Amino acid sequence: PWFWIVIFAVPPLLAGVVRARARRVRTVEGRSRVTTQPSALARLDDEM
């Protein structure tokens, strides 16, 4: 039975965590008022 509880409870919790993190990132970006784009090397490093 606990498997079904996990299936129905985990997705809303994950969605809430993602939304909270996105709001926190937007707040930090608004305060810094700095718009930065990842460099080409940064994108290559993340891909690897």
All heavy atoms as atom14 arrays in JSON, in Angstrom:
{
  "sequence": "PWFWIVIFAVPPLLAGVVRARARRVRTVEGRSRVTTQPSALARLDDEM",
  "atom14_mask": [
    [1, 1, 1, 1, 1, 1, 1, 0, 0, 0, 0, 0, 0, 0],
    [1, 1, 1, 1, 1, 1, 1, 1, 1, 1, 1, 1, 1, 1],
    [1, 1, 1, 1, 1, 1, 1, 1, 1, 1, 1, 0, 0, 0],
    [1, 1, 1, 1, 1, 1, 1, 1, 1, 1, 1, 1, 1, 1],
    [1, 1, 1, 1, 1, 1, 1, 1, 0, 0, 0, 0, 0, 0],
    [1, 1, 1, 1, 1, 1, 1, 0, 0, 0, 0, 0, 0, 0],
    [1, 1, 1, 1, 1, 1, 1, 1, 0, 0, 0, 0, 0, 0],
    [1, 1, 1, 1, 1, 1, 1, 1, 1, 1, 1, 0, 0, 0],
    [1, 1, 1, 1, 1, 0, 0, 0, 0, 0, 0, 0, 0, 0],
    [1, 1, 1, 1, 1, 1, 1, 0, 0, 0, 0, 0, 0, 0],
    [1, 1, 1, 1, 1, 1, 1, 0, 0, 0, 0, 0, 0, 0],
    [1, 1, 1, 1, 1, 1, 1, 0, 0, 0, 0, 0, 0, 0],
    [1, 1, 1, 1, 1, 1, 1, 1, 0, 0, 0, 0, 0, 0],
    [1, 1, 1, 1, 1, 1, 1, 1, 0, 0, 0, 0, 0, 0],
    [1, 1, 1, 1, 1, 0, 0, 0, 0, 0, 0, 0, 0, 0],
    [1, 1, 1, 1, 0, 0, 0, 0, 0, 0, 0, 0, 0, 0],
    [1, 1, 1, 1, 1, 1, 1, 0, 0, 0, 0, 0, 0, 0],
    [1, 1, 1, 1, 1, 1, 1, 0, 0, 0, 0, 0, 0, 0],
    [1, 1, 1, 1, 1, 1, 1, 1, 1, 1, 1, 0, 0, 0],
    [1, 1, 1, 1, 1, 0, 0, 0, 0, 0, 0, 0, 0, 0],
    [1, 1, 1, 1, 1, 1, 1, 1, 1, 1, 1, 0, 0, 0],
    [1, 1, 1, 1, 1, 0, 0, 0, 0, 0, 0, 0, 0, 0],
    [1, 1, 1, 1, 1, 1, 1, 1, 1, 1, 1, 0, 0, 0],
    [1, 1, 1, 1, 1, 1, 1, 1, 1, 1, 1, 0, 0, 0],
    [1, 1, 1, 1, 1, 1, 1, 0, 0, 0, 0, 0, 0, 0],
    [1, 1, 1, 1, 1, 1, 1, 1, 1, 1, 1, 0, 0, 0],
    [1, 1, 1, 1, 1, 1, 1, 0, 0, 0, 0, 0, 0, 0],
    [1, 1, 1, 1, 1, 1, 1, 0, 0, 0, 0, 0, 0, 0],
    [1, 1, 1, 1, 1, 1, 1, 1, 1, 0, 0, 0, 0, 0],
    [1, 1, 1, 1, 0, 0, 0, 0, 0, 0, 0, 0, 0, 0],
    [1, 1, 1, 1, 1, 1, 1, 1, 1, 1, 1, 0, 0, 0],
    [1, 1, 1, 1, 1, 1, 0, 0, 0, 0, 0, 0, 0, 0],
    [1, 1, 1, 1, 1, 1, 1, 1, 1, 1, 1, 0, 0, 0],
    [1, 1, 1, 1, 1, 1, 1, 0, 0, 0, 0, 0, 0, 0],
    [1, 1, 1, 1, 1, 1, 1, 0, 0, 0, 0, 0, 0, 0],
    [1, 1, 1, 1, 1, 1, 1, 0, 0, 0, 0, 0, 0, 0],
    [1, 1, 1, 1, 1, 1, 1, 1, 1, 0, 0, 0, 0, 0],
    [1, 1, 1, 1, 1, 1, 1, 0, 0, 0, 0, 0, 0, 0],
    [1, 1, 1, 1, 1, 1, 0, 0, 0, 0, 0, 0, 0, 0],
    [1, 1, 1, 1, 1, 0, 0, 0, 0, 0, 0, 0, 0, 0],
    [1, 1, 1, 1, 1, 1, 1, 1, 0, 0, 0, 0, 0, 0],
    [1, 1, 1, 1, 1, 0, 0, 0, 0, 0, 0, 0, 0, 0],
    [1, 1, 1, 1, 1, 1, 1, 1, 1, 1, 1, 0, 0, 0],
    [1, 1, 1, 1, 1, 1, 1, 1, 0, 0, 0, 0, 0, 0],
    [1, 1, 1, 1, 1, 1, 1, 1, 0, 0, 0, 0, 0, 0],
    [1, 1, 1, 1, 1, 1, 1, 1, 0, 0, 0, 0, 0, 0],
    [1, 1, 1, 1, 1, 1, 1, 1, 1, 0, 0, 0, 0, 0],
    [1, 1, 1, 1, 1, 1, 1, 1, 0, 0, 0, 0, 0, 0]
  ],
  "atom14_positions": [
    [[0.82, -1.23, 0.0], [0.0, 0.0, 0.0], [0.84, 1.27, 0.0], [0.41, 2.29, -0.57], [-0.83, -0.14, 1.29], [-0.88, -1.61, 1.57], [0.43, -2.14, 1.09], [0.0, 0.0, 0.0], [0.0, 0.0, 0.0], [0.0, 0.0, 0.0], [0.0, 0.0, 0.0], [0.0, 0.0, 0.0], [0.0, 0.0, 0.0], [0.0, 0.0, 0.0]],
    [[2.02, 1.24, 0.67], [2.81, 2.47, 0.71], [3.27, 2.91, -0.67], [3.53, 4.1, -0.9], [4.04, 2.28, 1.62], [4.97, 1.2, 1.19], [5.01, -0.08, 1.64], [6.02, 1.3, 0.19], [6.0, -0.8, 1.0], [6.64, 0.03, 0.11], [6.48, 2.32, -0.62], [7.69, -0.22, -0.76], [7.53, 2.07, -1.49], [8.12, 0.81, -1.54]],
    [[3.35, 1.96, -1.62], [3.79, 2.32, -2.97], [2.78, 3.29, -3.61], [3.18, 4.27, -4.26], [3.92, 1.06, -3.82], [4.25, 1.33, -5.27], [5.53, 1.58, -5.68], [3.24, 1.33, -6.23], [5.83, 1.84, -7.01], [3.53, 1.58, -7.56], [4.82, 1.84, -7.95], [0.0, 0.0, 0.0], [0.0, 0.0, 0.0], [0.0, 0.0, 0.0]],
    [[1.49, 3.02, -3.41], [0.48, 3.91, -4.0], [0.5, 5.27, -3.34], [0.28, 6.31, -4.0], [-0.91, 3.27, -3.87], [-0.99, 1.91, -4.48], [-1.06, 0.72, -3.84], [-1.02, 1.61, -5.88], [-1.12, -0.32, -4.74], [-1.1, 0.2, -6.0], [-0.98, 2.38, -7.04], [-1.14, -0.44, -7.24], [-1.02, 1.75, -8.27], [-1.1, 0.36, -8.36]],
    [[0.77, 5.31, -2.03], [0.87, 6.6, -1.34], [2.02, 7.41, -1.91], [1.9, 8.62, -2.15], [1.05, 6.36, 0.17], [-0.17, 5.64, 0.74], [1.27, 7.68, 0.9], [-0.05, 5.28, 2.21], [0.0, 0.0, 0.0], [0.0, 0.0, 0.0], [0.0, 0.0, 0.0], [0.0, 0.0, 0.0], [0.0, 0.0, 0.0], [0.0, 0.0, 0.0]],
    [[3.14, 6.75, -2.17], [4.3, 7.45, -2.75], [3.96, 7.97, -4.14], [4.3, 9.12, -4.49], [5.52, 6.51, -2.78], [6.66, 7.13, -3.59], [5.98, 6.2, -1.37], [0.0, 0.0, 0.0], [0.0, 0.0, 0.0], [0.0, 0.0, 0.0], [0.0, 0.0, 0.0], [0.0, 0.0, 0.0], [0.0, 0.0, 0.0], [0.0, 0.0, 0.0]],
    [[3.28, 7.14, -4.94], [2.96, 7.55, -6.32], [2.11, 8.81, -6.34], [2.34, 9.73, -7.15], [2.24, 6.4, -7.04], [3.22, 5.27, -7.38], [1.57, 6.89, -8.33], [4.28, 5.65, -8.37], [0.0, 0.0, 0.0], [0.0, 0.0, 0.0], [0.0, 0.0, 0.0], [0.0, 0.0, 0.0], [0.0, 0.0, 0.0], [0.0, 0.0, 0.0]],
    [[1.13, 8.91, -5.43], [0.23, 10.06, -5.45], [0.76, 11.24, -4.66], [0.34, 12.37, -4.9], [-1.14, 9.65, -4.89], [-1.97, 8.84, -5.85], [-1.99, 7.47, -5.77], [-2.72, 9.45, -6.84], [-2.74, 6.7, -6.65], [-3.47, 8.7, -7.73], [-3.49, 7.32, -7.64], [0.0, 0.0, 0.0], [0.0, 0.0, 0.0], [0.0, 0.0, 0.0]],
    [[1.7, 11.02, -3.72], [2.16, 12.11, -2.87], [3.44, 12.76, -3.38], [3.62, 13.98, -3.23], [2.39, 11.6, -1.44], [0.0, 0.0, 0.0], [0.0, 0.0, 0.0], [0.0, 0.0, 0.0], [0.0, 0.0, 0.0], [0.0, 0.0, 0.0], [0.0, 0.0, 0.0], [0.0, 0.0, 0.0], [0.0, 0.0, 0.0], [0.0, 0.0, 0.0]],
    [[4.33, 11.99, -4.01], [5.63, 12.52, -4.4], [5.53, 13.56, -5.53], [6.17, 14.62, -5.44], [6.59, 11.38, -4.77], [7.84, 11.9, -5.45], [6.97, 10.6, -3.52], [0.0, 0.0, 0.0], [0.0, 0.0, 0.0], [0.0, 0.0, 0.0], [0.0, 0.0, 0.0], [0.0, 0.0, 0.0], [0.0, 0.0, 0.0], [0.0, 0.0, 0.0]],
    [[4.78, 13.32, -6.64], [4.75, 14.33, -7.71], [4.34, 15.72, -7.25], [4.99, 16.71, -7.63], [3.75, 13.73, -8.72], [3.85, 12.26, -8.52], [4.05, 12.09, -7.04], [0.0, 0.0, 0.0], [0.0, 0.0, 0.0], [0.0, 0.0, 0.0], [0.0, 0.0, 0.0], [0.0, 0.0, 0.0], [0.0, 0.0, 0.0], [0.0, 0.0, 0.0]],
    [[3.27, 15.89, -6.42], [2.97, 17.26, -5.97], [4.09, 17.87, -5.14], [4.37, 19.07, -5.25], [1.7, 17.07, -5.12], [1.1, 15.8, -5.6], [2.24, 14.94, -5.98], [0.0, 0.0, 0.0], [0.0, 0.0, 0.0], [0.0, 0.0, 0.0], [0.0, 0.0, 0.0], [0.0, 0.0, 0.0], [0.0, 0.0, 0.0], [0.0, 0.0, 0.0]],
    [[4.75, 17.05, -4.31], [5.86, 17.59, -3.5], [7.01, 18.03, -4.4], [7.59, 19.1, -4.19], [6.34, 16.53, -2.51], [5.35, 16.14, -1.41], [5.92, 15.04, -0.54], [5.0, 17.35, -0.56], [0.0, 0.0, 0.0], [0.0, 0.0, 0.0], [0.0, 0.0, 0.0], [0.0, 0.0, 0.0], [0.0, 0.0, 0.0], [0.0, 0.0, 0.0]],
    [[7.34, 17.22, -5.4], [8.41, 17.61, -6.32], [8.05, 18.87, -7.09], [8.9, 19.75, -7.29], [8.7, 16.46, -7.29], [9.35, 15.22, -6.68], [9.54, 14.15, -7.75], [10.69, 15.56, -6.04], [0.0, 0.0, 0.0], [0.0, 0.0, 0.0], [0.0, 0.0, 0.0], [0.0, 0.0, 0.0], [0.0, 0.0, 0.0], [0.0, 0.0, 0.0]],
    [[6.79, 18.94, -7.52], [6.37, 20.14, -8.26], [6.47, 21.38, -7.37], [6.9, 22.45, -7.81], [4.93, 19.97, -8.76], [0.0, 0.0, 0.0], [0.0, 0.0, 0.0], [0.0, 0.0, 0.0], [0.0, 0.0, 0.0], [0.0, 0.0, 0.0], [0.0, 0.0, 0.0], [0.0, 0.0, 0.0], [0.0, 0.0, 0.0], [0.0, 0.0, 0.0]],
    [[6.11, 21.24, -6.08], [6.23, 22.38, -5.16], [7.67, 22.8, -4.95], [7.98, 23.99, -4.89], [0.0, 0.0, 0.0], [0.0, 0.0, 0.0], [0.0, 0.0, 0.0], [0.0, 0.0, 0.0], [0.0, 0.0, 0.0], [0.0, 0.0, 0.0], [0.0, 0.0, 0.0], [0.0, 0.0, 0.0], [0.0, 0.0, 0.0], [0.0, 0.0, 0.0]],
    [[8.55, 21.83, -4.81], [9.97, 22.14, -4.64], [10.52, 22.86, -5.87], [11.26, 23.86, -5.76], [10.77, 20.86, -4.34], [12.27, 21.14, -4.38], [10.38, 20.3, -2.98], [0.0, 0.0, 0.0], [0.0, 0.0, 0.0], [0.0, 0.0, 0.0], [0.0, 0.0, 0.0], [0.0, 0.0, 0.0], [0.0, 0.0, 0.0], [0.0, 0.0, 0.0]],
    [[10.15, 22.38, -7.07], [10.64, 23.01, -8.3], [10.13, 24.44, -8.41], [10.88, 25.37, -8.77], [10.21, 22.16, -9.51], [10.5, 22.92, -10.81], [10.93, 20.83, -9.51], [0.0, 0.0, 0.0], [0.0, 0.0, 0.0], [0.0, 0.0, 0.0], [0.0, 0.0, 0.0], [0.0, 0.0, 0.0], [0.0, 0.0, 0.0], [0.0, 0.0, 0.0]],
    [[8.83, 24.64, -8.1], [8.29, 26.0, -8.18], [8.96, 26.93, -7.16], [9.26, 28.1, -7.47], [6.78, 25.96, -7.95], [5.99, 25.43, -9.14], [4.51, 25.76, -8.99], [3.94, 25.09, -7.82], [3.37, 23.91, -7.85], [3.29, 23.24, -9.0], [2.86, 23.37, -6.75], [0.0, 0.0, 0.0], [0.0, 0.0, 0.0], [0.0, 0.0, 0.0]],
    [[9.19, 26.43, -5.95], [9.84, 27.27, -4.94], [11.26, 27.64, -5.36], [11.7, 28.78, -5.18], [9.86, 26.53, -3.6], [0.0, 0.0, 0.0], [0.0, 0.0, 0.0], [0.0, 0.0, 0.0], [0.0, 0.0, 0.0], [0.0, 0.0, 0.0], [0.0, 0.0, 0.0], [0.0, 0.0, 0.0], [0.0, 0.0, 0.0], [0.0, 0.0, 0.0]],
    [[11.95, 26.67, -5.93], [13.32, 26.96, -6.38], [13.32, 27.96, -7.53], [14.18, 28.86, -7.58], [13.99, 25.67, -6.82], [15.45, 25.82, -7.17], [16.08, 24.48, -7.46], [17.49, 24.62, -7.79], [18.29, 23.6, -8.08], [17.79, 22.37, -8.07], [19.55, 23.81, -8.37], [0.0, 0.0, 0.0], [0.0, 0.0, 0.0], [0.0, 0.0, 0.0]],
    [[12.36, 27.81, -8.44], [12.28, 28.76, -9.56], [11.98, 30.16, -9.06], [12.56, 31.15, -9.55], [11.21, 28.29, -10.55], [0.0, 0.0, 0.0], [0.0, 0.0, 0.0], [0.0, 0.0, 0.0], [0.0, 0.0, 0.0], [0.0, 0.0, 0.0], [0.0, 0.0, 0.0], [0.0, 0.0, 0.0], [0.0, 0.0, 0.0], [0.0, 0.0, 0.0]],
    [[11.07, 30.29, -8.07], [10.78, 31.63, -7.53], [12.0, 32.23, -6.84], [12.26, 33.43, -6.95], [9.61, 31.53, -6.54], [8.25, 31.37, -7.2], [7.13, 31.65, -6.21], [7.13, 30.68, -5.13], [6.42, 29.55, -5.14], [5.66, 29.27, -6.19], [6.47, 28.72, -4.12], [0.0, 0.0, 0.0], [0.0, 0.0, 0.0], [0.0, 0.0, 0.0]],
    [[12.76, 31.38, -6.13], [13.95, 31.89, -5.45], [14.99, 32.37, -6.45], [15.62, 33.41, -6.26], [14.53, 30.79, -4.56], [15.71, 31.26, -3.73], [16.04, 30.29, -2.6], [16.33, 28.96, -3.12], [15.53, 27.92, -2.99], [14.36, 28.06, -2.37], [15.87, 26.74, -3.48], [0.0, 0.0, 0.0], [0.0, 0.0, 0.0], [0.0, 0.0, 0.0]],
    [[15.14, 31.65, -7.57], [16.09, 32.07, -8.59], [15.66, 33.38, -9.22], [16.47, 34.28, -9.46], [16.24, 30.96, -9.65], [17.04, 31.47, -10.85], [16.92, 29.75, -9.03], [0.0, 0.0, 0.0], [0.0, 0.0, 0.0], [0.0, 0.0, 0.0], [0.0, 0.0, 0.0], [0.0, 0.0, 0.0], [0.0, 0.0, 0.0], [0.0, 0.0, 0.0]],
    [[14.35, 33.5, -9.49], [13.85, 34.75, -10.09], [14.05, 35.93, -9.14], [14.36, 37.05, -9.55], [12.39, 34.6, -10.46], [12.16, 33.74, -11.7], [10.76, 33.93, -12.24], [9.75, 33.52, -11.26], [9.23, 32.29, -11.19], [9.63, 31.37, -12.06], [8.32, 32.0, -10.29], [0.0, 0.0, 0.0], [0.0, 0.0, 0.0], [0.0, 0.0, 0.0]],
    [[13.89, 35.68, -7.83], [14.07, 36.76, -6.85], [15.52, 37.23, -6.81], [15.83, 38.42, -6.78], [13.64, 36.28, -5.46], [12.27, 35.88, -5.52], [13.8, 37.39, -4.43], [0.0, 0.0, 0.0], [0.0, 0.0, 0.0], [0.0, 0.0, 0.0], [0.0, 0.0, 0.0], [0.0, 0.0, 0.0], [0.0, 0.0, 0.0], [0.0, 0.0, 0.0]],
    [[16.44, 36.28, -6.81], [17.87, 36.63, -6.8], [18.24, 37.39, -8.05], [18.97, 38.39, -8.0], [18.72, 35.35, -6.65], [20.19, 35.67, -6.85], [18.48, 34.73, -5.28], [0.0, 0.0, 0.0], [0.0, 0.0, 0.0], [0.0, 0.0, 0.0], [0.0, 0.0, 0.0], [0.0, 0.0, 0.0], [0.0, 0.0, 0.0], [0.0, 0.0, 0.0]],
    [[17.71, 36.95, -9.19], [18.03, 37.65, -10.44], [17.46, 39.05, -10.42], [18.06, 40.0, -10.93], [17.48, 36.86, -11.62], [18.22, 35.55, -11.88], [17.62, 34.78, -13.04], [16.54, 35.21, -13.51], [18.23, 33.79, -13.47], [0.0, 0.0, 0.0], [0.0, 0.0, 0.0], [0.0, 0.0, 0.0], [0.0, 0.0, 0.0], [0.0, 0.0, 0.0]],
    [[16.25, 39.23, -9.83], [15.65, 40.57, -9.77], [16.45, 41.51, -8.88], [16.55, 42.7, -9.17], [0.0, 0.0, 0.0], [0.0, 0.0, 0.0], [0.0, 0.0, 0.0], [0.0, 0.0, 0.0], [0.0, 0.0, 0.0], [0.0, 0.0, 0.0], [0.0, 0.0, 0.0], [0.0, 0.0, 0.0], [0.0, 0.0, 0.0], [0.0, 0.0, 0.0]],
    [[16.96, 40.98, -7.77], [17.73, 41.83, -6.88], [19.07, 42.22, -7.49], [19.54, 43.34, -7.32], [17.97, 41.12, -5.55], [16.69, 40.98, -4.72], [16.97, 40.18, -3.46], [15.76, 40.04, -2.66], [15.69, 39.31, -1.55], [16.79, 38.67, -1.11], [14.55, 39.24, -0.88], [0.0, 0.0, 0.0], [0.0, 0.0, 0.0], [0.0, 0.0, 0.0]],
    [[19.72, 41.29, -8.16], [21.04, 41.59, -8.73], [20.94, 42.46, -9.96], [21.86, 43.22, -10.27], [21.76, 40.3, -9.08], [21.03, 39.6, -10.08], [0.0, 0.0, 0.0], [0.0, 0.0, 0.0], [0.0, 0.0, 0.0], [0.0, 0.0, 0.0], [0.0, 0.0, 0.0], [0.0, 0.0, 0.0], [0.0, 0.0, 0.0], [0.0, 0.0, 0.0]],
    [[19.79, 42.38, -10.65], [19.57, 43.14, -11.88], [20.71, 42.94, -12.86], [21.09, 43.85, -13.59], [19.41, 44.64, -11.57], [18.21, 44.94, -10.71], [18.04, 46.42, -10.47], [16.93, 46.68, -9.61], [15.66, 46.74, -10.01], [15.38, 46.54, -11.27], [14.71, 47.0, -9.14], [0.0, 0.0, 0.0], [0.0, 0.0, 0.0], [0.0, 0.0, 0.0]],
    [[21.28, 41.76, -12.84], [22.36, 41.46, -13.76], [21.9, 40.3, -14.62], [21.5, 39.26, -14.1], [23.65, 41.09, -13.03], [24.74, 40.67, -14.01], [24.1, 42.27, -12.18], [0.0, 0.0, 0.0], [0.0, 0.0, 0.0], [0.0, 0.0, 0.0], [0.0, 0.0, 0.0], [0.0, 0.0, 0.0], [0.0, 0.0, 0.0], [0.0, 0.0, 0.0]],
    [[21.95, 40.44, -15.89], [21.58, 39.39, -16.81], [22.84, 38.8, -17.4], [23.58, 39.5, -18.09], [20.68, 39.94, -17.93], [19.56, 40.57, -17.34], [20.23, 38.81, -18.85], [0.0, 0.0, 0.0], [0.0, 0.0, 0.0], [0.0, 0.0, 0.0], [0.0, 0.0, 0.0], [0.0, 0.0, 0.0], [0.0, 0.0, 0.0], [0.0, 0.0, 0.0]],
    [[23.06, 37.54, -17.06], [24.28, 36.89, -17.54], [23.88, 35.7, -18.38], [22.91, 34.99, -18.09], [25.13, 36.42, -16.36], [24.36, 35.52, -15.57], [25.59, 37.59, -15.51], [0.0, 0.0, 0.0], [0.0, 0.0, 0.0], [0.0, 0.0, 0.0], [0.0, 0.0, 0.0], [0.0, 0.0, 0.0], [0.0, 0.0, 0.0], [0.0, 0.0, 0.0]],
    [[24.62, 35.46, -19.41], [24.44, 34.32, -20.29], [25.63, 33.39, -20.12], [26.77, 33.83, -20.06], [24.33, 34.78, -21.76], [23.13, 35.65, -22.04], [21.82, 34.88, -21.88], [21.8, 33.66, -22.03], [20.76, 35.61, -21.58], [0.0, 0.0, 0.0], [0.0, 0.0, 0.0], [0.0, 0.0, 0.0], [0.0, 0.0, 0.0], [0.0, 0.0, 0.0]],
    [[25.37, 32.08, -19.97], [26.51, 31.17, -19.83], [27.38, 31.22, -21.06], [26.91, 31.28, -22.19], [25.82, 29.8, -19.68], [24.46, 29.97, -20.27], [24.08, 31.39, -20.02], [0.0, 0.0, 0.0], [0.0, 0.0, 0.0], [0.0, 0.0, 0.0], [0.0, 0.0, 0.0], [0.0, 0.0, 0.0], [0.0, 0.0, 0.0], [0.0, 0.0, 0.0]],
    [[28.68, 31.21, -20.82], [29.62, 31.27, -21.92], [29.62, 29.95, -22.67], [29.04, 28.94, -22.23], [31.02, 31.58, -21.38], [31.45, 30.49, -20.56], [0.0, 0.0, 0.0], [0.0, 0.0, 0.0], [0.0, 0.0, 0.0], [0.0, 0.0, 0.0], [0.0, 0.0, 0.0], [0.0, 0.0, 0.0], [0.0, 0.0, 0.0], [0.0, 0.0, 0.0]],
    [[30.31, 29.93, -23.8], [30.39, 28.7, -24.6], [31.13, 27.61, -23.83], [30.74, 26.44, -23.87], [31.1, 29.0, -25.92], [0.0, 0.0, 0.0], [0.0, 0.0, 0.0], [0.0, 0.0, 0.0], [0.0, 0.0, 0.0], [0.0, 0.0, 0.0], [0.0, 0.0, 0.0], [0.0, 0.0, 0.0], [0.0, 0.0, 0.0], [0.0, 0.0, 0.0]],
    [[32.18, 28.01, -23.08], [32.92, 27.02, -22.31], [32.07, 26.43, -21.19], [32.16, 25.24, -20.87], [34.19, 27.65, -21.73], [35.27, 28.05, -22.74], [36.43, 28.75, -22.04], [35.77, 26.82, -23.5], [0.0, 0.0, 0.0], [0.0, 0.0, 0.0], [0.0, 0.0, 0.0], [0.0, 0.0, 0.0], [0.0, 0.0, 0.0], [0.0, 0.0, 0.0]],
    [[31.23, 27.26, -20.59], [30.36, 26.76, -19.52], [29.36, 25.74, -20.06], [29.1, 24.71, -19.43], [29.63, 27.93, -18.86], [0.0, 0.0, 0.0], [0.0, 0.0, 0.0], [0.0, 0.0, 0.0], [0.0, 0.0, 0.0], [0.0, 0.0, 0.0], [0.0, 0.0, 0.0], [0.0, 0.0, 0.0], [0.0, 0.0, 0.0], [0.0, 0.0, 0.0]],
    [[28.81, 26.02, -21.24], [27.87, 25.07, -21.83], [28.56, 23.75, -22.16], [28.01, 22.66, -21.95], [27.24, 25.68, -23.08], [26.24, 26.78, -22.79], [25.4, 27.08, -24.01], [26.21, 27.56, -25.13], [26.49, 28.84, -25.35], [26.01, 29.78, -24.53], [27.24, 29.2, -26.38], [0.0, 0.0, 0.0], [0.0, 0.0, 0.0], [0.0, 0.0, 0.0]],
    [[29.79, 23.85, -22.7], [30.53, 22.62, -23.0], [30.84, 21.83, -21.73], [30.74, 20.59, -21.7], [31.83, 22.97, -23.73], [31.7, 23.53, -25.15], [33.07, 23.91, -25.7], [31.03, 22.5, -26.07], [0.0, 0.0, 0.0], [0.0, 0.0, 0.0], [0.0, 0.0, 0.0], [0.0, 0.0, 0.0], [0.0, 0.0, 0.0], [0.0, 0.0, 0.0]],
    [[31.2, 22.55, -20.67], [31.52, 21.88, -19.41], [30.28, 21.17, -18.84], [30.36, 20.03, -18.37], [32.06, 22.91, -18.41], [32.7, 22.21, -17.2], [33.01, 21.01, -17.3], [32.89, 22.88, -16.18], [0.0, 0.0, 0.0], [0.0, 0.0, 0.0], [0.0, 0.0, 0.0], [0.0, 0.0, 0.0], [0.0, 0.0, 0.0], [0.0, 0.0, 0.0]],
    [[29.13, 21.82, -18.89], [27.9, 21.2, -18.38], [27.51, 19.98, -19.22], [27.07, 18.95, -18.67], [26.76, 22.23, -18.39], [26.99, 23.34, -17.38], [27.79, 23.12, -16.44], [26.38, 24.42, -17.53], [0.0, 0.0, 0.0], [0.0, 0.0, 0.0], [0.0, 0.0, 0.0], [0.0, 0.0, 0.0], [0.0, 0.0, 0.0], [0.0, 0.0, 0.0]],
    [[27.67, 20.1, -20.53], [27.31, 18.97, -21.4], [28.19, 17.76, -21.12], [27.7, 16.61, -21.04], [27.44, 19.41, -22.86], [27.03, 18.32, -23.85], [27.16, 18.79, -25.29], [27.55, 19.96, -25.5], [26.88, 17.98, -26.2], [0.0, 0.0, 0.0], [0.0, 0.0, 0.0], [0.0, 0.0, 0.0], [0.0, 0.0, 0.0], [0.0, 0.0, 0.0]],
    [[29.47, 17.99, -20.94], [30.38, 16.88, -20.68], [30.13, 16.29, -19.29], [30.21, 15.07, -19.08], [31.82, 17.35, -20.8], [32.82, 16.2, -20.84], [34.44, 16.74, -21.39], [35.24, 15.14, -21.59], [0.0, 0.0, 0.0], [0.0, 0.0, 0.0], [0.0, 0.0, 0.0], [0.0, 0.0, 0.0], [0.0, 0.0, 0.0], [0.0, 0.0, 0.0]]
  ]
}
